Amino acid sequence: MSLKPETKPFSLAALAVILAGFGLGTGVKGDRVMSIEVERKVCRAADGVEIVYSVCGTGEPALVFIHGGFADRGFWAGQLQAFGGRHRMIALDLAGHGESGVNRTKWGMPEFGADVRAVVEAERVKRVILIGNSLGGPVAIEAALLLPEKAVGVIGIDTFQDLGRLIEPAEAKAQAEAFQKDFSGTLKQMVRALFHADADPKLIAWAESRMARTSPQIAGPMFLSFAGYDTGAAARRLKVPIRAVNGDLYATDVEGIRKVKPDFDAVIMTHMGHYPMIERPEEFNRALAGVIAGLGK
């Protein structure tokens, strides 16, 4: 991931989060407005790490929301409110993030995917659509491979701008070293690169402050674990569709991605950065609803 604002960030490890607080939300079913109580739950990943997650709503397929690097499940608060009247909603903190445990000895995309599987199995839902922002996109693919009887599809949110490149060890090492040397300064540079120049300064500041809550100790091991990861290998094995709702800050190579995963399509939101669910949530929710409806068919 480049740290320069004028260059494309490393989409698989780009971060973010916003919107904390899981209390009461509202959902709409037909013309009836409902009060939806969001419940905090805990389960254990395969390696014993405690995974904290939130659930609300009813209906399948369940929607499972996966945050990006240095983020947490609070990132999806607005979506729990918007979709909880129609779907079982699940949003989790990956290991090392939010309230989940940090006592992991082996980090990596497959391990994060196993975090998602643990939550889905704990909830005993039959069908799921896995929705991931940034790092959460490839994590969603890994989770779908672990849930072949349950996964209906994968939706990336401002991720999958490309697919099929190898994460070079030197690149992963450079990112790990940058965060270990100056976590706050490197994070600040990265956050600035994920918004259009005229984005709301308060939104940028909120994203940065939220992401800064993550323990710097996980940055090095997490980035180093990405060395050698083939971003297309898992996608080639996937038997369900991949979709994306992306901003236009960085171009999405739809035709290039289809060479790796033919069943791919993307909605591109105009003048939108890395966090469409936060920048223009109502517009984003409409776009996401359309993609979900298509997968449901």
Protein backbone atom coordinates (compact mmCIF):
# COMPACT_ATOMS: atom_id res chain seq x y z
CA MET A 1 0.00 0.00 0.00
CA SER A 2 1.45 3.32 -0.98
CA LEU A 3 1.43 5.97 1.68
CA LYS A 4 1.46 8.87 -0.74
CA PRO A 5 -1.93 10.57 -1.20
CA GLU A 6 -1.49 10.83 -4.95
CA THR A 7 -0.97 7.09 -5.42
CA LYS A 8 -3.25 4.11 -5.03
CA PRO A 9 -3.29 2.57 -1.53
CA PHE A 10 -2.74 -1.14 -1.06
CA SER A 11 -6.42 -2.02 -1.16
CA LEU A 12 -6.18 -5.27 0.80
CA ALA A 13 -4.74 -3.62 3.87
CA ALA A 14 -6.33 -0.21 3.71
CA LEU A 15 -8.14 0.68 6.84
CA ALA A 16 -10.92 2.44 8.35
CA VAL A 17 -13.79 2.68 10.57
CA ILE A 18 -16.25 5.07 11.69
CA LEU A 19 -19.53 5.14 13.50
CA ALA A 20 -19.22 3.61 16.92
CA GLY A 21 -21.99 2.59 19.19
CA PHE A 22 -24.34 -0.34 18.97
CA GLY A 23 -27.47 0.32 20.94
CA LEU A 24 -30.90 0.71 19.40
CA GLY A 25 -31.34 1.11 15.68
CA THR A 26 -34.32 1.38 13.40
CA GLY A 27 -35.27 -0.68 10.40
CA VAL A 28 -38.06 -0.36 7.92
CA LYS A 29 -40.15 -3.28 6.76
CA GLY A 30 -42.84 -2.19 4.36
CA ASP A 31 -44.28 1.01 5.82
CA ARG A 32 -43.72 -0.07 9.41
CA VAL A 33 -40.82 1.40 11.36
CA MET A 34 -39.37 -1.00 13.90
CA SER A 35 -37.04 -0.64 16.83
CA ILE A 36 -34.17 -3.09 16.48
CA GLU A 37 -32.13 -4.02 19.50
CA VAL A 38 -28.52 -4.85 18.73
CA GLU A 39 -27.04 -7.61 20.88
CA ARG A 40 -23.36 -8.01 21.75
CA LYS A 41 -22.11 -11.60 21.62
CA VAL A 42 -18.84 -13.49 21.99
CA CYS A 43 -17.48 -16.70 20.49
CA ARG A 44 -14.07 -18.33 20.04
CA ALA A 45 -12.10 -18.58 16.81
CA ALA A 46 -10.48 -21.88 15.86
CA ASP A 47 -7.23 -20.85 17.58
CA GLY A 48 -9.03 -19.85 20.78
CA VAL A 49 -8.99 -16.06 20.27
CA GLU A 50 -12.13 -14.37 21.59
CA ILE A 51 -14.21 -12.79 18.83
CA VAL A 52 -16.78 -10.14 19.74
CA TYR A 53 -19.67 -9.43 17.40
CA SER A 54 -23.05 -7.72 17.18
CA VAL A 55 -26.30 -9.16 15.84
CA CYS A 56 -29.79 -7.89 15.16
CA GLY A 57 -32.74 -8.43 12.89
CA THR A 58 -34.20 -11.52 11.24
CA GLY A 59 -34.39 -12.96 7.77
CA GLU A 60 -32.09 -14.82 5.40
CA PRO A 61 -29.74 -14.61 3.73
CA ALA A 62 -27.99 -13.16 6.75
CA LEU A 63 -25.66 -10.25 6.02
CA VAL A 64 -22.20 -10.53 7.57
CA PHE A 65 -20.20 -7.29 7.67
CA ILE A 66 -16.40 -7.40 7.86
CA HIS A 67 -14.38 -4.26 8.57
CA GLY A 68 -11.01 -3.23 7.17
CA GLY A 69 -7.60 -3.18 8.81
CA PHE A 70 -7.36 -1.12 12.02
CA ALA A 71 -11.16 -0.88 12.04
CA ASP A 72 -13.94 -2.50 14.07
CA ARG A 73 -17.56 -3.56 13.79
CA GLY A 74 -18.79 -0.07 14.65
CA PHE A 75 -17.98 0.79 11.06
CA TRP A 76 -21.25 -0.84 10.01
CA ALA A 77 -23.63 0.76 12.51
CA GLY A 78 -25.61 2.53 9.79
CA GLN A 79 -26.12 -0.69 7.84
CA LEU A 80 -27.41 -2.59 10.87
CA GLN A 81 -30.08 0.07 11.18
CA ALA A 82 -30.92 0.14 7.47
CA PHE A 83 -31.13 -3.59 6.80
CA GLY A 84 -31.99 -5.11 10.18
CA GLY A 85 -35.71 -5.16 9.38
CA ARG A 86 -35.18 -7.57 6.49
CA HIS A 87 -32.10 -9.64 7.29
CA ARG A 88 -30.27 -11.21 10.18
CA MET A 89 -27.38 -8.78 10.61
CA ILE A 90 -23.95 -9.76 11.91
CA ALA A 91 -20.96 -7.43 12.32
CA LEU A 92 -17.78 -8.71 13.93
CA ASP A 93 -14.44 -7.49 15.21
CA LEU A 94 -11.66 -9.50 13.61
CA ALA A 95 -8.92 -10.70 15.96
CA GLY A 96 -6.70 -7.83 17.05
CA HIS A 97 -9.39 -5.26 16.32
CA GLY A 98 -12.12 -3.62 18.36
CA GLU A 99 -13.07 -5.71 21.37
CA SER A 100 -11.74 -9.01 20.03
CA GLY A 101 -8.68 -10.71 21.47
CA VAL A 102 -5.13 -9.85 20.42
CA ASN A 103 -3.50 -13.09 21.59
CA ARG A 104 -3.07 -14.52 18.10
CA THR A 105 0.25 -16.13 17.23
CA LYS A 106 -0.37 -16.68 13.50
CA TRP A 107 -1.87 -13.83 11.50
CA GLY A 108 -3.10 -13.82 7.92
CA MET A 109 -6.08 -13.72 5.57
CA PRO A 110 -7.05 -17.37 6.18
CA GLU A 111 -6.98 -16.81 9.94
CA PHE A 112 -9.22 -13.76 9.61
CA GLY A 113 -11.53 -15.83 7.40
CA ALA A 114 -11.73 -18.40 10.18
CA ASP A 115 -12.83 -15.63 12.57
CA VAL A 116 -15.80 -15.00 10.30
CA ARG A 117 -16.62 -18.70 10.04
CA ALA A 118 -16.63 -19.02 13.82
CA VAL A 119 -19.21 -16.25 14.14
CA VAL A 120 -21.43 -17.58 11.33
CA GLU A 121 -21.40 -21.07 12.83
CA ALA A 122 -22.13 -19.70 16.30
CA GLU A 123 -25.23 -17.97 14.89
CA ARG A 124 -26.38 -21.10 13.04
CA VAL A 125 -27.63 -19.21 10.01
CA LYS A 126 -28.23 -21.23 6.86
CA ARG A 127 -27.40 -18.73 4.10
CA VAL A 128 -25.05 -15.73 4.25
CA ILE A 129 -23.83 -12.90 2.07
CA LEU A 130 -20.36 -11.81 3.17
CA ILE A 131 -19.72 -8.06 2.87
CA GLY A 132 -16.21 -6.70 3.43
CA ASN A 133 -14.59 -3.29 3.20
CA SER A 134 -10.92 -3.02 2.21
CA LEU A 135 -9.07 -5.83 4.03
CA GLY A 136 -12.52 -7.28 4.71
CA GLY A 137 -12.94 -8.05 0.99
CA PRO A 138 -10.32 -10.79 0.70
CA VAL A 139 -11.22 -11.93 4.21
CA ALA A 140 -14.80 -12.40 2.96
CA ILE A 141 -13.51 -14.60 0.12
CA GLU A 142 -11.49 -16.71 2.56
CA ALA A 143 -14.56 -17.04 4.79
CA ALA A 144 -16.79 -18.03 1.85
CA LEU A 145 -14.38 -20.85 1.00
CA LEU A 146 -14.75 -22.09 4.57
CA LEU A 147 -18.55 -21.89 4.34
CA PRO A 148 -19.35 -23.60 1.01
CA GLU A 149 -22.82 -24.72 2.09
CA LYS A 150 -23.83 -21.32 3.46
CA ALA A 151 -22.21 -18.58 1.33
CA VAL A 152 -24.45 -17.06 -1.33
CA GLY A 153 -21.99 -14.43 -2.50
CA VAL A 154 -19.26 -11.96 -1.59
CA ILE A 155 -19.61 -8.18 -1.82
CA GLY A 156 -16.54 -5.97 -1.58
CA ILE A 157 -16.91 -2.36 -0.47
CA ASP A 158 -14.21 -0.19 -2.04
CA THR A 159 -11.96 -3.18 -2.50
CA PHE A 160 -11.32 -5.49 -5.45
CA GLN A 161 -10.13 -2.58 -7.61
CA ASP A 162 -7.86 -5.26 -9.00
CA LEU A 163 -7.54 -8.95 -8.34
CA GLY A 164 -4.84 -11.48 -9.01
CA ARG A 165 -1.58 -9.85 -7.99
CA LEU A 166 0.95 -11.18 -5.53
CA ILE A 167 1.66 -9.09 -2.44
CA GLU A 168 5.43 -8.80 -2.61
CA PRO A 169 7.31 -9.58 0.62
CA ALA A 170 9.27 -6.33 0.31
CA GLU A 171 6.01 -4.37 0.10
CA ALA A 172 4.56 -6.09 3.17
CA LYS A 173 7.80 -5.57 5.10
CA ALA A 174 7.93 -1.88 4.21
CA GLN A 175 4.39 -1.34 5.47
CA ALA A 176 5.09 -3.25 8.68
CA GLU A 177 8.21 -1.22 9.35
CA ALA A 178 6.49 2.09 8.62
CA PHE A 179 3.74 1.41 11.16
CA GLN A 180 6.16 0.08 13.74
CA LYS A 181 8.39 3.13 13.42
CA ASP A 182 5.64 5.78 13.47
CA PHE A 183 2.14 4.37 13.87
CA SER A 184 0.27 7.65 14.21
CA GLY A 185 2.15 9.46 11.45
CA THR A 186 1.84 6.58 8.99
CA LEU A 187 -1.83 6.19 9.82
CA LYS A 188 -2.45 9.90 9.24
CA GLN A 189 -0.85 9.72 5.79
CA MET A 190 -2.86 6.65 4.89
CA VAL A 191 -6.18 8.10 5.96
CA ARG A 192 -5.61 11.23 3.87
CA ALA A 193 -5.03 9.03 0.82
CA LEU A 194 -8.45 7.40 1.19
CA PHE A 195 -10.62 10.49 0.71
CA HIS A 196 -11.18 12.95 -2.11
CA ALA A 197 -9.47 16.28 -1.50
CA ASP A 198 -12.76 18.05 -0.76
CA ALA A 199 -14.08 15.44 1.71
CA ASP A 200 -15.48 16.67 5.03
CA PRO A 201 -12.50 17.35 7.34
CA LYS A 202 -14.57 16.23 10.33
CA LEU A 203 -15.18 12.88 8.67
CA ILE A 204 -11.48 12.45 7.97
CA ALA A 205 -10.60 13.36 11.56
CA TRP A 206 -13.23 10.94 12.87
CA ALA A 207 -11.84 8.09 10.75
CA GLU A 208 -8.30 8.78 11.88
CA SER A 209 -9.19 9.00 15.56
CA ARG A 210 -11.21 5.80 15.42
CA MET A 211 -8.51 3.84 13.63
CA ALA A 212 -5.86 5.11 16.04
CA ARG A 213 -7.52 3.11 18.83
CA THR A 214 -6.16 -0.13 17.40
CA SER A 215 -3.09 -1.48 19.18
CA PRO A 216 0.07 -0.63 17.19
CA GLN A 217 1.46 -4.01 18.23
CA ILE A 218 -0.70 -5.86 15.72
CA ALA A 219 0.41 -3.77 12.73
CA GLY A 220 3.77 -5.43 12.16
CA PRO A 221 2.65 -9.07 12.42
CA MET A 222 -0.49 -8.37 10.39
CA PHE A 223 1.29 -6.71 7.47
CA LEU A 224 4.10 -9.27 7.46
CA SER A 225 1.53 -12.06 7.24
CA PHE A 226 0.36 -10.70 3.87
CA ALA A 227 3.76 -11.33 2.25
CA GLY A 228 3.35 -13.68 -0.69
CA TYR A 229 -0.44 -13.67 -0.54
CA ASP A 230 -1.95 -14.18 -4.00
CA THR A 231 -5.04 -11.98 -4.17
CA GLY A 232 -6.55 -14.00 -7.00
CA ALA A 233 -5.88 -17.58 -5.93
CA ALA A 234 -8.74 -17.73 -3.43
CA ALA A 235 -11.09 -15.95 -5.85
CA ARG A 236 -10.41 -18.56 -8.55
CA ARG A 237 -11.52 -21.30 -6.16
CA LEU A 238 -14.70 -19.50 -5.17
CA LYS A 239 -17.91 -20.94 -6.63
CA VAL A 240 -20.22 -18.04 -5.72
CA PRO A 241 -20.36 -14.57 -7.35
CA ILE A 242 -18.21 -11.61 -6.32
CA ARG A 243 -19.67 -8.12 -6.48
CA ALA A 244 -18.34 -4.72 -5.45
CA VAL A 245 -19.66 -1.29 -4.49
CA ASN A 246 -16.65 0.96 -5.01
CA GLY A 247 -15.83 4.63 -4.96
CA ASP A 248 -14.10 6.28 -7.90
CA LEU A 249 -11.09 7.63 -6.01
CA TYR A 250 -9.16 4.67 -7.44
CA ALA A 251 -10.15 2.99 -10.69
CA THR A 252 -11.76 -0.45 -10.69
CA ASP A 253 -10.45 -2.75 -13.43
CA VAL A 254 -13.66 -4.69 -14.05
CA GLU A 255 -12.48 -6.46 -17.19
CA GLY A 256 -9.17 -7.38 -15.61
CA ILE A 257 -10.93 -8.84 -12.59
CA ARG A 258 -13.24 -10.88 -14.82
CA LYS A 259 -10.19 -12.63 -16.25
CA VAL A 260 -9.62 -13.95 -12.72
CA LYS A 261 -13.24 -14.29 -11.62
CA PRO A 262 -15.71 -14.20 -14.54
CA ASP A 263 -18.74 -13.84 -12.27
CA PHE A 264 -17.84 -10.33 -11.10
CA ASP A 265 -19.60 -7.00 -11.39
CA ALA A 266 -19.26 -3.63 -9.70
CA VAL A 267 -21.29 -0.52 -8.91
CA ILE A 268 -19.08 2.58 -9.01
CA MET A 269 -20.21 5.55 -6.91
CA THR A 270 -19.28 8.94 -8.35
CA HIS A 271 -16.95 11.22 -6.40
CA MET A 272 -16.69 8.73 -3.58
CA GLY A 273 -13.73 7.67 -1.46
CA HIS A 274 -12.91 4.59 0.55
CA TYR A 275 -15.91 4.71 2.88
CA PRO A 276 -19.12 5.06 0.85
CA MET A 277 -21.20 3.70 3.73
CA ILE A 278 -20.17 6.71 5.78
CA GLU A 279 -19.74 9.49 3.24
CA ARG A 280 -23.19 9.13 1.63
CA PRO A 281 -24.90 6.34 3.59
CA GLU A 282 -28.40 6.58 2.10
CA GLU A 283 -27.08 6.41 -1.46
CA PHE A 284 -24.73 3.61 -0.50
CA ASN A 285 -27.49 1.61 1.19
CA ARG A 286 -29.62 1.83 -1.96
CA ALA A 287 -26.73 0.57 -4.07
CA LEU A 288 -25.98 -2.23 -1.62
CA ALA A 289 -29.64 -3.23 -1.49
CA GLY A 290 -29.68 -3.63 -5.27
CA VAL A 291 -26.60 -5.84 -5.22
CA ILE A 292 -28.01 -7.95 -2.38
CA ALA A 293 -31.28 -8.39 -4.27
CA GLY A 294 -29.38 -9.59 -7.32
CA LEU A 295 -27.46 -12.19 -5.32
CA GLY A 296 -30.66 -13.30 -3.62
CA LYS A 297 -32.07 -14.34 -6.99
